[in-house]
Amino acid sequence: MGDFLGTKAMAEKWNCRQSQISKWCREGKIQGAQQDKKGSPWRIPIDAQKPIKGVHYENR
């Protein structure tokens, strides 16, 4: 199992808003992002790449 960051830490890493990270997670734009159930915190792989416009991933 790899290392993960939350939306706040990833926002700092990518220099953007935490709300933007959450939105990208919900939209499936961050590969490997997952949450235990709807409403729980997102876990984002530490080595995830910042989304590219128009690219979507299946996060299941």
N, C-alpha and C. Protein backbone atom coordinates (compact mmCIF):
# COMPACT_ATOMS: atom_id res chain seq x y z
N MET A 1 0.85 -1.18 0.00
CA MET A 1 0.00 0.00 0.00
C MET A 1 0.89 1.24 0.00
N GLY A 2 0.61 2.17 -0.90
CA GLY A 2 1.43 3.36 -1.03
C GLY A 2 1.09 4.43 -0.02
N ASP A 3 1.85 5.51 -0.10
CA ASP A 3 1.62 6.65 0.79
C ASP A 3 0.61 7.59 0.16
N PHE A 4 -0.20 8.20 1.01
CA PHE A 4 -1.26 9.09 0.55
C PHE A 4 -1.19 10.44 1.24
N LEU A 5 -1.75 11.44 0.60
CA LEU A 5 -1.92 12.78 1.17
C LEU A 5 -3.40 13.12 1.13
N GLY A 6 -3.79 14.06 1.97
CA GLY A 6 -5.16 14.57 1.95
C GLY A 6 -5.25 15.75 1.00
N THR A 7 -6.44 16.30 0.88
CA THR A 7 -6.66 17.40 -0.05
C THR A 7 -5.89 18.66 0.36
N LYS A 8 -5.76 18.91 1.66
CA LYS A 8 -5.04 20.11 2.11
C LYS A 8 -3.56 20.02 1.74
N ALA A 9 -2.94 18.89 2.03
CA ALA A 9 -1.52 18.72 1.73
C ALA A 9 -1.27 18.75 0.22
N MET A 10 -2.17 18.14 -0.55
CA MET A 10 -2.00 18.13 -2.00
C MET A 10 -2.19 19.53 -2.58
N ALA A 11 -3.09 20.31 -2.00
CA ALA A 11 -3.28 21.69 -2.45
C ALA A 11 -2.01 22.51 -2.22
N GLU A 12 -1.35 22.29 -1.11
CA GLU A 12 -0.09 22.98 -0.84
C GLU A 12 0.99 22.53 -1.83
N LYS A 13 1.03 21.25 -2.10
CA LYS A 13 2.03 20.69 -3.03
C LYS A 13 1.85 21.25 -4.44
N TRP A 14 0.60 21.34 -4.89
CA TRP A 14 0.30 21.79 -6.24
C TRP A 14 0.00 23.28 -6.33
N ASN A 15 0.06 23.98 -5.20
CA ASN A 15 -0.17 25.42 -5.15
C ASN A 15 -1.53 25.80 -5.75
N CYS A 16 -2.58 25.19 -5.20
CA CYS A 16 -3.93 25.54 -5.61
C CYS A 16 -4.86 25.40 -4.40
N ARG A 17 -6.13 25.69 -4.57
CA ARG A 17 -7.09 25.65 -3.45
C ARG A 17 -7.47 24.21 -3.10
N GLN A 18 -7.72 23.99 -1.82
CA GLN A 18 -8.16 22.68 -1.34
C GLN A 18 -9.49 22.29 -1.99
N SER A 19 -10.36 23.27 -2.19
CA SER A 19 -11.66 22.99 -2.82
C SER A 19 -11.48 22.50 -4.26
N GLN A 20 -10.45 22.99 -4.94
CA GLN A 20 -10.17 22.54 -6.31
C GLN A 20 -9.73 21.08 -6.31
N ILE A 21 -8.90 20.71 -5.33
CA ILE A 21 -8.45 19.32 -5.23
C ILE A 21 -9.65 18.40 -4.99
N SER A 22 -10.54 18.79 -4.07
CA SER A 22 -11.74 18.00 -3.79
C SER A 22 -12.59 17.84 -5.04
N LYS A 23 -12.75 18.92 -5.79
CA LYS A 23 -13.53 18.88 -7.03
C LYS A 23 -12.91 17.92 -8.02
N TRP A 24 -11.60 17.99 -8.21
CA TRP A 24 -10.93 17.08 -9.12
C TRP A 24 -11.10 15.63 -8.69
N CYS A 25 -11.05 15.39 -7.37
CA CYS A 25 -11.26 14.03 -6.87
C CYS A 25 -12.67 13.54 -7.21
N ARG A 26 -13.67 14.36 -6.93
CA ARG A 26 -15.06 13.99 -7.22
C ARG A 26 -15.28 13.73 -8.71
N GLU A 27 -14.60 14.49 -9.55
CA GLU A 27 -14.77 14.37 -11.00
C GLU A 27 -13.91 13.26 -11.60
N GLY A 28 -13.11 12.58 -10.78
CA GLY A 28 -12.28 11.50 -11.29
C GLY A 28 -11.06 11.96 -12.06
N LYS A 29 -10.58 13.16 -11.78
CA LYS A 29 -9.45 13.71 -12.52
C LYS A 29 -8.10 13.45 -11.86
N ILE A 30 -8.09 12.87 -10.67
CA ILE A 30 -6.82 12.54 -10.01
C ILE A 30 -6.74 11.02 -9.91
N GLN A 31 -5.81 10.46 -10.65
CA GLN A 31 -5.67 9.00 -10.72
C GLN A 31 -5.30 8.44 -9.35
N GLY A 32 -6.06 7.44 -8.91
CA GLY A 32 -5.79 6.76 -7.65
C GLY A 32 -6.43 7.39 -6.43
N ALA A 33 -7.08 8.55 -6.58
CA ALA A 33 -7.75 9.19 -5.44
C ALA A 33 -8.91 8.31 -4.99
N GLN A 34 -9.06 8.16 -3.69
CA GLN A 34 -10.12 7.29 -3.17
C GLN A 34 -10.62 7.79 -1.82
N GLN A 35 -11.80 7.37 -1.47
CA GLN A 35 -12.37 7.65 -0.15
C GLN A 35 -13.15 6.43 0.29
N ASP A 36 -13.24 6.23 1.61
CA ASP A 36 -13.92 5.06 2.15
C ASP A 36 -15.41 5.06 1.82
N LYS A 37 -16.04 6.20 1.95
CA LYS A 37 -17.45 6.36 1.61
C LYS A 37 -17.70 7.82 1.31
N LYS A 38 -18.80 8.11 0.66
CA LYS A 38 -19.13 9.49 0.30
C LYS A 38 -19.12 10.35 1.56
N GLY A 39 -18.43 11.47 1.48
CA GLY A 39 -18.34 12.39 2.61
C GLY A 39 -17.11 12.19 3.48
N SER A 40 -16.41 11.07 3.30
CA SER A 40 -15.18 10.86 4.07
C SER A 40 -14.01 11.54 3.35
N PRO A 41 -12.91 11.76 4.06
CA PRO A 41 -11.76 12.45 3.44
C PRO A 41 -11.18 11.67 2.25
N TRP A 42 -10.68 12.42 1.29
CA TRP A 42 -10.03 11.82 0.14
C TRP A 42 -8.60 11.42 0.50
N ARG A 43 -8.16 10.29 -0.06
CA ARG A 43 -6.76 9.85 0.02
C ARG A 43 -6.21 9.91 -1.39
N ILE A 44 -5.14 10.69 -1.54
CA ILE A 44 -4.55 10.89 -2.86
C ILE A 44 -3.13 10.35 -2.85
N PRO A 45 -2.78 9.48 -3.80
CA PRO A 45 -1.41 8.96 -3.82
C PRO A 45 -0.39 10.11 -3.84
N ILE A 46 0.64 9.98 -3.03
CA ILE A 46 1.64 11.04 -2.90
C ILE A 46 2.31 11.36 -4.23
N ASP A 47 2.36 10.38 -5.13
CA ASP A 47 3.01 10.59 -6.42
C ASP A 47 2.02 10.89 -7.55
N ALA A 48 0.77 11.22 -7.20
CA ALA A 48 -0.24 11.54 -8.22
C ALA A 48 0.19 12.78 -9.00
N GLN A 49 -0.21 12.81 -10.26
CA GLN A 49 0.11 13.93 -11.12
C GLN A 49 -1.05 14.93 -11.13
N LYS A 50 -0.72 16.20 -11.19
CA LYS A 50 -1.74 17.25 -11.27
C LYS A 50 -2.55 17.03 -12.55
N PRO A 51 -3.88 17.12 -12.45
CA PRO A 51 -4.73 16.84 -13.62
C PRO A 51 -4.42 17.71 -14.82
N ILE A 52 -4.61 17.10 -15.97
CA ILE A 52 -4.48 17.78 -17.25
C ILE A 52 -5.90 17.99 -17.77
N LYS A 53 -6.18 19.15 -18.27
CA LYS A 53 -7.53 19.47 -18.76
C LYS A 53 -8.03 18.40 -19.73
N GLY A 54 -9.22 17.88 -19.45
CA GLY A 54 -9.85 16.92 -20.34
C GLY A 54 -9.53 15.46 -20.05
N VAL A 55 -8.66 15.18 -19.06
CA VAL A 55 -8.29 13.79 -18.74
C VAL A 55 -9.05 13.34 -17.50
N HIS A 56 -9.73 12.19 -17.59
CA HIS A 56 -10.49 11.62 -16.49
C HIS A 56 -10.01 10.20 -16.23
N TYR A 57 -10.04 9.79 -14.95
CA TYR A 57 -9.65 8.45 -14.56
C TYR A 57 -10.80 7.80 -13.81
N GLU A 58 -10.80 6.49 -13.76
CA GLU A 58 -11.78 5.74 -12.98
C GLU A 58 -11.18 5.53 -11.60
N ASN A 59 -11.79 6.10 -10.56
CA ASN A 59 -11.26 6.02 -9.20
C ASN A 59 -12.06 5.04 -8.35
N ARG A 60 -12.05 3.79 -8.70
CA ARG A 60 -12.78 2.78 -7.93
C ARG A 60 -11.89 1.65 -7.54
